[in-house]
């Protein structure tokens, strides 16, 4: 399918893409580059890449497909760095959680003979690093592609073929629509988890309360264990959409707070409504899989 695929960033996502390509025998060469000390060697050891490069320029030279599997904050400088080394027809894609800003950078820095297709796999783990990479990480997950009117059909087809190889389910979205949706279902949950963790852990009673905390608290704060730099970059590149969702969330919390304060006996109706909403989502979500 591919002659040379270059994966820039060999963490959980980049490593899992490499393992999936290797498992499917879908690329003649899987090249890799990572700034982290020893990361490329570890990626080679686990079979995520065929060849590690010390130079990012050498890593992308002659590639059919370049995958930027780094935090979104690094994408701007990466696009500037690789631009002169891209050969005609090379397709570049990313896995960032925000799309509009990334596409703007790609249109600014990539040469006319190279093409960009925004991508975002809705998959991951709270653990990070190539050591926990998994060839089946993307199996049956939604993988968003956000081409624009400037994106050639051939470039879209190449990245769509990658998505199919990974075993994911393809969904096309407008970049701004994508950013608005994930702000609610991905970025807001992290911020809610972070706020909950800080609210309880910053209280003087935390030493005692932590001994009582069990699965409910663990599950509700799981996302607070996420990579701080990654979420910083997400907030900086999708601030408007995130703030809109935060305003709605704060309003919902305020409504619940007021009901509790006035001892509203009908608060259970709000709980029953959201219980039903979650049950319906869960039933439809897993029936699709």
C-alpha atoms as a PDB file:
ATOM      1  CA  UNK A   1       0.000   0.000   0.000  1.00  0.00           C
ATOM      2  CA  UNK A   2       2.742   2.477   0.994  1.00  0.00           C
ATOM      3  CA  UNK A   3       6.385   2.580   0.014  1.00  0.00           C
ATOM      4  CA  UNK A   4       7.561   4.698   2.938  1.00  0.00           C
ATOM      5  CA  UNK A   5       5.586   5.966   5.894  1.00  0.00           C
ATOM      6  CA  UNK A   6       7.289   8.364   8.281  1.00  0.00           C
ATOM      7  CA  UNK A   7       5.988   8.642  11.845  1.00  0.00           C
ATOM      8  CA  UNK A   8       7.130  11.757  13.691  1.00  0.00           C
ATOM      9  CA  UNK A   9       6.521  11.250  17.394  1.00  0.00           C
ATOM     10  CA  UNK A  10       6.757   7.699  18.700  1.00  0.00           C
ATOM     11  CA  UNK A  11       4.519   7.738  21.736  1.00  0.00           C
ATOM     12  CA  UNK A  12       1.339   5.757  22.304  1.00  0.00           C
ATOM     13  CA  UNK A  13      -0.426   6.929  19.130  1.00  0.00           C
ATOM     14  CA  UNK A  14       2.569   7.005  16.798  1.00  0.00           C
ATOM     15  CA  UNK A  15       3.823   3.680  18.085  1.00  0.00           C
ATOM     16  CA  UNK A  16       0.400   2.071  17.752  1.00  0.00           C
ATOM     17  CA  UNK A  17       0.094   3.297  14.160  1.00  0.00           C
ATOM     18  CA  UNK A  18       3.461   1.768  13.373  1.00  0.00           C
ATOM     19  CA  UNK A  19       2.506  -1.553  14.964  1.00  0.00           C
ATOM     20  CA  UNK A  20      -0.788  -1.615  13.062  1.00  0.00           C
ATOM     21  CA  UNK A  21       0.962  -0.925   9.758  1.00  0.00           C
ATOM     22  CA  UNK A  22       3.485  -3.670  10.513  1.00  0.00           C
ATOM     23  CA  UNK A  23       0.730  -6.114  11.486  1.00  0.00           C
ATOM     24  CA  UNK A  24      -1.118  -5.417   8.214  1.00  0.00           C
ATOM     25  CA  UNK A  25       2.098  -5.536   6.173  1.00  0.00           C
ATOM     26  CA  UNK A  26       0.902  -2.245   4.671  1.00  0.00           C
ATOM     27  CA  UNK A  27       4.214  -0.405   4.195  1.00  0.00           C
ATOM     28  CA  UNK A  28       7.540  -1.366   2.668  1.00  0.00           C
ATOM     29  CA  UNK A  29       9.302   0.895   5.162  1.00  0.00           C
ATOM     30  CA  UNK A  30       8.119   2.489   8.401  1.00  0.00           C
ATOM     31  CA  UNK A  31      10.501   5.293   9.334  1.00  0.00           C
ATOM     32  CA  UNK A  32      10.478   6.946  12.733  1.00  0.00           C
ATOM     33  CA  UNK A  33      11.762  10.040  14.459  1.00  0.00           C
ATOM     34  CA  UNK A  34      11.412  11.208  18.053  1.00  0.00           C
ATOM     35  CA  UNK A  35      13.286  13.814  20.065  1.00  0.00           C
ATOM     36  CA  UNK A  36      13.046  11.815  23.273  1.00  0.00           C
ATOM     37  CA  UNK A  37      16.203  10.092  24.459  1.00  0.00           C
ATOM     38  CA  UNK A  38      16.055   6.397  23.600  1.00  0.00           C
ATOM     39  CA  UNK A  39      12.474   6.563  22.303  1.00  0.00           C
ATOM     40  CA  UNK A  40      13.343   5.687  18.703  1.00  0.00           C
ATOM     41  CA  UNK A  41      15.443   2.724  19.846  1.00  0.00           C
ATOM     42  CA  UNK A  42      12.568   1.483  21.984  1.00  0.00           C
ATOM     43  CA  UNK A  43      10.154   1.890  19.065  1.00  0.00           C
ATOM     44  CA  UNK A  44      12.461  -0.204  16.908  1.00  0.00           C
ATOM     45  CA  UNK A  45      12.714  -2.826  19.639  1.00  0.00           C
ATOM     46  CA  UNK A  46       8.943  -3.263  19.945  1.00  0.00           C
ATOM     47  CA  UNK A  47       8.549  -3.354  16.159  1.00  0.00           C
ATOM     48  CA  UNK A  48       6.732  -0.051  15.691  1.00  0.00           C
ATOM     49  CA  UNK A  49       9.259   1.172  13.101  1.00  0.00           C
ATOM     50  CA  UNK A  50      11.757  -0.390  10.723  1.00  0.00           C
ATOM     51  CA  UNK A  51      14.316   2.377  10.823  1.00  0.00           C
ATOM     52  CA  UNK A  52      14.991   5.182  13.281  1.00  0.00           C
ATOM     53  CA  UNK A  53      16.414   8.464  12.029  1.00  0.00           C
ATOM     54  CA  UNK A  54      18.459  11.018  13.936  1.00  0.00           C
ATOM     55  CA  UNK A  55      17.445  13.726  11.459  1.00  0.00           C
ATOM     56  CA  UNK A  56      13.784  14.581  10.893  1.00  0.00           C
ATOM     57  CA  UNK A  57      14.640  15.776   7.385  1.00  0.00           C
ATOM     58  CA  UNK A  58      16.088  12.361   6.501  1.00  0.00           C
ATOM     59  CA  UNK A  59      13.110  10.663   8.143  1.00  0.00           C
ATOM     60  CA  UNK A  60      10.547  12.340   5.857  1.00  0.00           C
ATOM     61  CA  UNK A  61      12.600  12.432   2.666  1.00  0.00           C
ATOM     62  CA  UNK A  62      10.991  10.290  -0.037  1.00  0.00           C
ATOM     63  CA  UNK A  63       7.925   9.391   2.035  1.00  0.00           C
ATOM     64  CA  UNK A  64       4.492   8.726   0.602  1.00  0.00           C
ATOM     65  CA  UNK A  65       2.904   9.597   3.912  1.00  0.00           C
ATOM     66  CA  UNK A  66       4.149  11.614   6.888  1.00  0.00           C
ATOM     67  CA  UNK A  67       2.243  11.243  10.163  1.00  0.00           C
ATOM     68  CA  UNK A  68       2.736  13.918  12.819  1.00  0.00           C
ATOM     69  CA  UNK A  69       1.944  12.073  16.056  1.00  0.00           C
ATOM     70  CA  UNK A  70       3.002  14.780  18.498  1.00  0.00           C
ATOM     71  CA  UNK A  71       1.180  17.162  20.844  1.00  0.00           C
ATOM     72  CA  UNK A  72      -0.556  19.889  18.851  1.00  0.00           C
ATOM     73  CA  UNK A  73       1.775  22.548  20.220  1.00  0.00           C
ATOM     74  CA  UNK A  74       4.701  20.994  18.340  1.00  0.00           C
ATOM     75  CA  UNK A  75       2.970  20.781  14.967  1.00  0.00           C
ATOM     76  CA  UNK A  76       3.652  24.346  13.836  1.00  0.00           C
ATOM     77  CA  UNK A  77       7.431  24.059  14.126  1.00  0.00           C
ATOM     78  CA  UNK A  78       7.413  20.537  12.702  1.00  0.00           C
ATOM     79  CA  UNK A  79       5.595  21.690   9.568  1.00  0.00           C
ATOM     80  CA  UNK A  80       8.145  24.464   9.112  1.00  0.00           C
ATOM     81  CA  UNK A  81      11.036  22.037   9.567  1.00  0.00           C
ATOM     82  CA  UNK A  82       9.861  19.296   7.227  1.00  0.00           C
ATOM     83  CA  UNK A  83       8.477  21.539   4.477  1.00  0.00           C
ATOM     84  CA  UNK A  84      11.734  21.876   2.458  1.00  0.00           C
ATOM     85  CA  UNK A  85      12.339  18.101   2.600  1.00  0.00           C
ATOM     86  CA  UNK A  86       8.980  16.939   1.264  1.00  0.00           C
ATOM     87  CA  UNK A  87       9.042  15.448  -2.213  1.00  0.00           C
ATOM     88  CA  UNK A  88       6.261  16.132  -4.747  1.00  0.00           C
ATOM     89  CA  UNK A  89       3.056  14.274  -3.914  1.00  0.00           C
ATOM     90  CA  UNK A  90       3.877  13.630  -0.256  1.00  0.00           C
ATOM     91  CA  UNK A  91       0.805  13.606   1.958  1.00  0.00           C
ATOM     92  CA  UNK A  92       1.086  14.880   5.539  1.00  0.00           C
ATOM     93  CA  UNK A  93      -1.455  14.098   8.232  1.00  0.00           C
ATOM     94  CA  UNK A  94      -1.639  14.539  11.985  1.00  0.00           C
ATOM     95  CA  UNK A  95      -3.423  13.038  14.991  1.00  0.00           C
ATOM     96  CA  UNK A  96      -4.030  16.252  16.946  1.00  0.00           C
ATOM     97  CA  UNK A  97      -7.145  16.802  19.012  1.00  0.00           C
ATOM     98  CA  UNK A  98      -7.751  20.217  17.432  1.00  0.00           C
ATOM     99  CA  UNK A  99      -7.944  20.838  13.712  1.00  0.00           C
ATOM    100  CA  UNK A 100      -8.656  24.414  12.600  1.00  0.00           C
ATOM    101  CA  UNK A 101      -5.381  25.848  13.909  1.00  0.00           C
ATOM    102  CA  UNK A 102      -3.341  22.924  12.585  1.00  0.00           C
ATOM    103  CA  UNK A 103      -4.846  23.239   9.105  1.00  0.00           C
ATOM    104  CA  UNK A 104      -4.089  26.964   9.117  1.00  0.00           C
ATOM    105  CA  UNK A 105      -0.454  26.184   9.907  1.00  0.00           C
ATOM    106  CA  UNK A 106      -0.294  23.527   7.170  1.00  0.00           C
ATOM    107  CA  UNK A 107      -1.674  25.919   4.564  1.00  0.00           C
ATOM    108  CA  UNK A 108       0.874  28.530   5.642  1.00  0.00           C
ATOM    109  CA  UNK A 109       4.016  26.399   5.739  1.00  0.00           C
ATOM    110  CA  UNK A 110       3.724  23.372   3.439  1.00  0.00           C
ATOM    111  CA  UNK A 111       4.864  23.685  -0.181  1.00  0.00           C
ATOM    112  CA  UNK A 112       2.287  23.480  -2.979  1.00  0.00           C
ATOM    113  CA  UNK A 113       3.572  20.057  -4.052  1.00  0.00           C
ATOM    114  CA  UNK A 114       2.732  18.479  -0.675  1.00  0.00           C
ATOM    115  CA  UNK A 115      -0.752  17.975   0.717  1.00  0.00           C
ATOM    116  CA  UNK A 116      -2.234  17.998   4.194  1.00  0.00           C
ATOM    117  CA  UNK A 117      -5.185  16.017   5.558  1.00  0.00           C
ATOM    118  CA  UNK A 118      -6.188  16.724   9.145  1.00  0.00           C
ATOM    119  CA  UNK A 119      -6.800  13.610  11.234  1.00  0.00           C
ATOM    120  CA  UNK A 120      -7.879  12.732  14.763  1.00  0.00           C
ATOM    121  CA  UNK A 121      -8.317   9.163  16.059  1.00  0.00           C
ATOM    122  CA  UNK A 122     -10.794   9.009  18.945  1.00  0.00           C
ATOM    123  CA  UNK A 123      -8.661   6.517  20.825  1.00  0.00           C
ATOM    124  CA  UNK A 124      -6.081   6.489  23.564  1.00  0.00           C
ATOM    125  CA  UNK A 125      -5.125   5.446  27.073  1.00  0.00           C
ATOM    126  CA  UNK A 126      -4.312   7.362  30.223  1.00  0.00           C
ATOM    127  CA  UNK A 127      -0.856   5.778  29.978  1.00  0.00           C
ATOM    128  CA  UNK A 128       1.605   7.202  27.478  1.00  0.00           C
ATOM    129  CA  UNK A 129       4.722   6.107  25.638  1.00  0.00           C
ATOM    130  CA  UNK A 130       5.641   3.567  23.001  1.00  0.00           C
ATOM    131  CA  UNK A 131       5.950   0.862  25.660  1.00  0.00           C
ATOM    132  CA  UNK A 132       2.146   0.727  25.880  1.00  0.00           C
ATOM    133  CA  UNK A 133       1.563   0.984  22.114  1.00  0.00           C
ATOM    134  CA  UNK A 134      -0.983  -1.470  20.743  1.00  0.00           C
ATOM    135  CA  UNK A 135      -1.587  -2.550  17.141  1.00  0.00           C
ATOM    136  CA  UNK A 136      -5.310  -2.880  17.917  1.00  0.00           C
ATOM    137  CA  UNK A 137      -5.655   0.510  19.642  1.00  0.00           C
ATOM    138  CA  UNK A 138      -7.742   1.957  16.805  1.00  0.00           C
ATOM    139  CA  UNK A 139      -9.892  -1.083  16.103  1.00  0.00           C
ATOM    140  CA  UNK A 140     -13.535   0.004  15.696  1.00  0.00           C
ATOM    141  CA  UNK A 141     -12.844   3.520  16.998  1.00  0.00           C
ATOM    142  CA  UNK A 142     -13.968   6.654  15.163  1.00  0.00           C
ATOM    143  CA  UNK A 143     -11.165   8.280  13.185  1.00  0.00           C
ATOM    144  CA  UNK A 144     -11.998  11.820  12.053  1.00  0.00           C
ATOM    145  CA  UNK A 145     -10.640  13.323   8.854  1.00  0.00           C
ATOM    146  CA  UNK A 146     -11.106  17.028   8.192  1.00  0.00           C
ATOM    147  CA  UNK A 147     -10.225  17.803   4.565  1.00  0.00           C
ATOM    148  CA  UNK A 148     -10.961  21.263   3.188  1.00  0.00           C
ATOM    149  CA  UNK A 149     -11.953  22.481  -0.272  1.00  0.00           C
ATOM    150  CA  UNK A 150      -8.222  22.749  -1.043  1.00  0.00           C
ATOM    151  CA  UNK A 151      -7.479  19.089  -0.230  1.00  0.00           C
ATOM    152  CA  UNK A 152      -6.979  16.872  -3.316  1.00  0.00           C
ATOM    153  CA  UNK A 153      -9.110  13.728  -3.457  1.00  0.00           C
ATOM    154  CA  UNK A 154      -6.004  11.598  -3.935  1.00  0.00           C
ATOM    155  CA  UNK A 155      -4.566  12.840  -0.630  1.00  0.00           C
ATOM    156  CA  UNK A 156      -7.839  12.137   1.181  1.00  0.00           C
ATOM    157  CA  UNK A 157      -7.906   8.642  -0.311  1.00  0.00           C
ATOM    158  CA  UNK A 158      -4.396   7.909   0.927  1.00  0.00           C
ATOM    159  CA  UNK A 159      -5.194   8.858   4.519  1.00  0.00           C
ATOM    160  CA  UNK A 160      -8.538   7.068   4.319  1.00  0.00           C
ATOM    161  CA  UNK A 161      -6.603   3.948   3.326  1.00  0.00           C
ATOM    162  CA  UNK A 162      -4.453   4.395   6.440  1.00  0.00           C
ATOM    163  CA  UNK A 163      -7.576   4.622   8.594  1.00  0.00           C
ATOM    164  CA  UNK A 164      -8.936   1.427   7.028  1.00  0.00           C
ATOM    165  CA  UNK A 165      -5.620  -0.323   7.682  1.00  0.00           C
ATOM    166  CA  UNK A 166      -5.811   0.671  11.345  1.00  0.00           C
ATOM    167  CA  UNK A 167      -9.244  -0.942  11.620  1.00  0.00           C
ATOM    168  CA  UNK A 168     -10.920   2.342  12.541  1.00  0.00           C
ATOM    169  CA  UNK A 169     -14.238   3.785  11.372  1.00  0.00           C
ATOM    170  CA  UNK A 170     -13.876   6.828   9.145  1.00  0.00           C
ATOM    171  CA  UNK A 171     -15.860  10.017   9.745  1.00  0.00           C
ATOM    172  CA  UNK A 172     -15.468  13.209   7.713  1.00  0.00           C
ATOM    173  CA  UNK A 173     -16.017  16.530   9.472  1.00  0.00           C
ATOM    174  CA  UNK A 174     -15.552  20.209   8.798  1.00  0.00           C
ATOM    175  CA  UNK A 175     -12.547  21.383  10.871  1.00  0.00           C
ATOM    176  CA  UNK A 176     -14.521  23.944  12.890  1.00  0.00           C
ATOM    177  CA  UNK A 177     -17.348  21.473  13.470  1.00  0.00           C
ATOM    178  CA  UNK A 178     -14.824  18.894  14.683  1.00  0.00           C
ATOM    179  CA  UNK A 179     -13.282  21.360  17.139  1.00  0.00           C
ATOM    180  CA  UNK A 180     -16.677  22.310  18.541  1.00  0.00           C
ATOM    181  CA  UNK A 181     -17.730  18.702  19.053  1.00  0.00           C
ATOM    182  CA  UNK A 182     -14.531  17.443  20.675  1.00  0.00           C
ATOM    183  CA  UNK A 183     -14.443  20.464  22.965  1.00  0.00           C
ATOM    184  CA  UNK A 184     -17.602  19.077  24.543  1.00  0.00           C
ATOM    185  CA  UNK A 185     -16.967  15.342  24.570  1.00  0.00           C
ATOM    186  CA  UNK A 186     -13.186  15.260  25.031  1.00  0.00           C
ATOM    187  CA  UNK A 187     -11.732  18.538  26.296  1.00  0.00           C
ATOM    188  CA  UNK A 188     -14.500  19.441  28.747  1.00  0.00           C
ATOM    189  CA  UNK A 189     -14.355  16.017  30.475  1.00  0.00           C
ATOM    190  CA  UNK A 190     -10.639  16.527  31.126  1.00  0.00           C
ATOM    191  CA  UNK A 191     -11.246  19.954  32.625  1.00  0.00           C
ATOM    192  CA  UNK A 192     -14.133  18.641  34.735  1.00  0.00           C
ATOM    193  CA  UNK A 193     -11.927  15.802  35.957  1.00  0.00           C
ATOM    194  CA  UNK A 194      -9.128  18.238  36.746  1.00  0.00           C
ATOM    195  CA  UNK A 195     -11.426  20.597  38.631  1.00  0.00           C
ATOM    196  CA  UNK A 196     -12.880  17.741  40.664  1.00  0.00           C
ATOM    197  CA  UNK A 197      -9.424  16.439  41.588  1.00  0.00           C
ATOM    198  CA  UNK A 198      -8.217  19.894  42.604  1.00  0.00           C
ATOM    199  CA  UNK A 199     -11.396  20.679  44.552  1.00  0.00           C
ATOM    200  CA  UNK A 200     -11.014  17.667  46.804  1.00  0.00           C
ATOM    201  CA  UNK A 201      -7.230  17.324  46.947  1.00  0.00           C
ATOM    202  CA  UNK A 202      -6.667  21.009  47.784  1.00  0.00           C
ATOM    203  CA  UNK A 203      -8.972  20.772  50.787  1.00  0.00           C
ATOM    204  CA  UNK A 204      -7.407  20.246  54.244  1.00  0.00           C
ATOM    205  CA  UNK A 205      -9.549  17.103  54.688  1.00  0.00           C
ATOM    206  CA  UNK A 206      -7.918  15.356  51.699  1.00  0.00           C
ATOM    207  CA  UNK A 207      -5.583  13.198  53.787  1.00  0.00           C
ATOM    208  CA  UNK A 208      -8.569  11.543  55.433  1.00  0.00           C
ATOM    209  CA  UNK A 209     -10.874  11.733  52.407  1.00  0.00           C
ATOM    210  CA  UNK A 210      -8.319  10.022  50.176  1.00  0.00           C
ATOM    211  CA  UNK A 211      -8.565   6.913  52.337  1.00  0.00           C
ATOM    212  CA  UNK A 212     -12.286   6.729  51.591  1.00  0.00           C
ATOM    213  CA  UNK A 213     -12.079   7.459  47.858  1.00  0.00           C
ATOM    214  CA  UNK A 214     -12.999   4.446  45.772  1.00  0.00           C
ATOM    215  CA  UNK A 215     -14.002   3.489  42.225  1.00  0.00           C
ATOM    216  CA  UNK A 216     -16.442   6.356  41.665  1.00  0.00           C
ATOM    217  CA  UNK A 217     -13.850   9.004  42.475  1.00  0.00           C
ATOM    218  CA  UNK A 218     -11.187   7.070  40.578  1.00  0.00           C
ATOM    219  CA  UNK A 219     -13.310   6.895  37.422  1.00  0.00           C
ATOM    220  CA  UNK A 220     -14.427  10.520  37.617  1.00  0.00           C
ATOM    221  CA  UNK A 221     -10.848  11.795  37.964  1.00  0.00           C
ATOM    222  CA  UNK A 222      -9.150   9.375  35.546  1.00  0.00           C
ATOM    223  CA  UNK A 223      -8.597  12.028  32.877  1.00  0.00           C
ATOM    224  CA  UNK A 224      -6.793  14.289  35.349  1.00  0.00           C
ATOM    225  CA  UNK A 225      -3.856  11.891  34.934  1.00  0.00           C
ATOM    226  CA  UNK A 226      -3.500  13.032  31.315  1.00  0.00           C
ATOM    227  CA  UNK A 227      -0.430  14.742  29.878  1.00  0.00           C
ATOM    228  CA  UNK A 228      -0.391  18.381  31.139  1.00  0.00           C
ATOM    229  CA  UNK A 229       1.492  19.779  28.136  1.00  0.00           C
ATOM    230  CA  UNK A 230      -0.847  18.056  25.683  1.00  0.00           C
ATOM    231  CA  UNK A 231      -3.939  19.538  27.312  1.00  0.00           C
ATOM    232  CA  UNK A 232      -2.295  22.948  27.603  1.00  0.00           C
ATOM    233  CA  UNK A 233      -1.784  22.948  23.838  1.00  0.00           C
ATOM    234  CA  UNK A 234      -5.370  21.796  23.279  1.00  0.00           C
ATOM    235  CA  UNK A 235      -6.708  24.662  25.379  1.00  0.00           C
ATOM    236  CA  UNK A 236      -4.531  27.184  23.555  1.00  0.00           C
ATOM    237  CA  UNK A 237      -5.599  26.014  20.088  1.00  0.00           C
ATOM    238  CA  UNK A 238      -9.312  25.486  20.778  1.00  0.00           C
ATOM    239  CA  UNK A 239     -10.060  28.124  23.399  1.00  0.00           C
ATOM    240  CA  UNK A 240     -13.273  29.577  21.950  1.00  0.00           C
ATOM    241  CA  UNK A 241     -15.044  26.234  21.666  1.00  0.00           C
ATOM    242  CA  UNK A 242     -13.824  25.071  25.078  1.00  0.00           C
ATOM    243  CA  UNK A 243     -14.937  28.279  26.795  1.00  0.00           C
ATOM    244  CA  UNK A 244     -18.393  27.954  25.240  1.00  0.00           C
ATOM    245  CA  UNK A 245     -18.785  24.450  26.664  1.00  0.00           C
ATOM    246  CA  UNK A 246     -17.348  25.502  30.029  1.00  0.00           C
ATOM    247  CA  UNK A 247     -19.935  28.278  30.298  1.00  0.00           C
ATOM    248  CA  UNK A 248     -22.720  25.751  29.714  1.00  0.00           C
ATOM    249  CA  UNK A 249     -21.182  23.309  32.201  1.00  0.00           C
ATOM    250  CA  UNK A 250     -20.798  25.950  34.902  1.00  0.00           C
ATOM    251  CA  UNK A 251     -24.424  26.918  34.343  1.00  0.00           C
ATOM    252  CA  UNK A 252     -25.546  23.305  34.785  1.00  0.00           C
ATOM    253  CA  UNK A 253     -23.514  22.983  37.985  1.00  0.00           C
ATOM    254  CA  UNK A 254     -25.009  26.231  39.247  1.00  0.00           C
ATOM    255  CA  UNK A 255     -28.537  24.943  38.618  1.00  0.00           C
ATOM    256  CA  UNK A 256     -27.793  21.779  40.605  1.00  0.00           C
ATOM    257  CA  UNK A 257     -26.172  23.826  43.358  1.00  0.00           C
ATOM    258  CA  UNK A 258     -29.281  26.015  43.674  1.00  0.00           C
ATOM    259  CA  UNK A 259     -31.608  23.024  43.767  1.00  0.00           C
ATOM    260  CA  UNK A 260     -29.536  21.449  46.542  1.00  0.00           C
ATOM    261  CA  UNK A 261     -29.356  24.705  48.495  1.00  0.00           C
ATOM    262  CA  UNK A 262     -33.143  25.111  48.508  1.00  0.00           C
ATOM    263  CA  UNK A 263     -33.740  21.426  49.318  1.00  0.00           C
ATOM    264  CA  UNK A 264     -35.612  20.906  46.052  1.00  0.00           C
ATOM    265  CA  UNK A 265     -37.321  17.520  46.289  1.00  0.00           C
ATOM    266  CA  UNK A 266     -37.592  17.364  42.508  1.00  0.00           C
ATOM    267  CA  UNK A 267     -33.826  17.255  41.937  1.00  0.00           C
ATOM    268  CA  UNK A 268     -34.201  13.541  41.263  1.00  0.00           C
ATOM    269  CA  UNK A 269     -35.920  14.488  37.989  1.00  0.00           C
ATOM    270  CA  UNK A 270     -32.671  16.023  36.771  1.00  0.00           C
ATOM    271  CA  UNK A 271     -30.805  12.883  37.828  1.00  0.00           C
ATOM    272  CA  UNK A 272     -33.353  10.616  36.096  1.00  0.00           C
ATOM    273  CA  UNK A 273     -33.127  12.638  32.890  1.00  0.00           C
ATOM    274  CA  UNK A 274     -29.348  12.396  32.668  1.00  0.00           C
ATOM    275  CA  UNK A 275     -29.464   8.738  33.672  1.00  0.00           C
ATOM    276  CA  UNK A 276     -31.725   8.064  30.698  1.00  0.00           C
ATOM    277  CA  UNK A 277     -29.550  10.166  28.392  1.00  0.00           C
ATOM    278  CA  UNK A 278     -26.466   8.190  29.351  1.00  0.00           C
ATOM    279  CA  UNK A 279     -28.196   4.836  29.030  1.00  0.00           C
ATOM    280  CA  UNK A 280     -29.415   5.766  25.549  1.00  0.00           C
ATOM    281  CA  UNK A 281     -25.962   6.931  24.488  1.00  0.00           C
ATOM    282  CA  UNK A 282     -24.288   3.822  25.893  1.00  0.00           C
ATOM    283  CA  UNK A 283     -26.784   1.498  24.187  1.00  0.00           C
ATOM    284  CA  UNK A 284     -26.403   3.175  20.793  1.00  0.00           C
ATOM    285  CA  UNK A 285     -22.625   3.584  21.136  1.00  0.00           C
ATOM    286  CA  UNK A 286     -21.942  -0.083  21.800  1.00  0.00           C
ATOM    287  CA  UNK A 287     -24.577  -1.368  19.394  1.00  0.00           C
ATOM    288  CA  UNK A 288     -22.728   0.452  16.591  1.00  0.00           C
ATOM    289  CA  UNK A 289     -19.581  -1.474  17.480  1.00  0.00           C
END
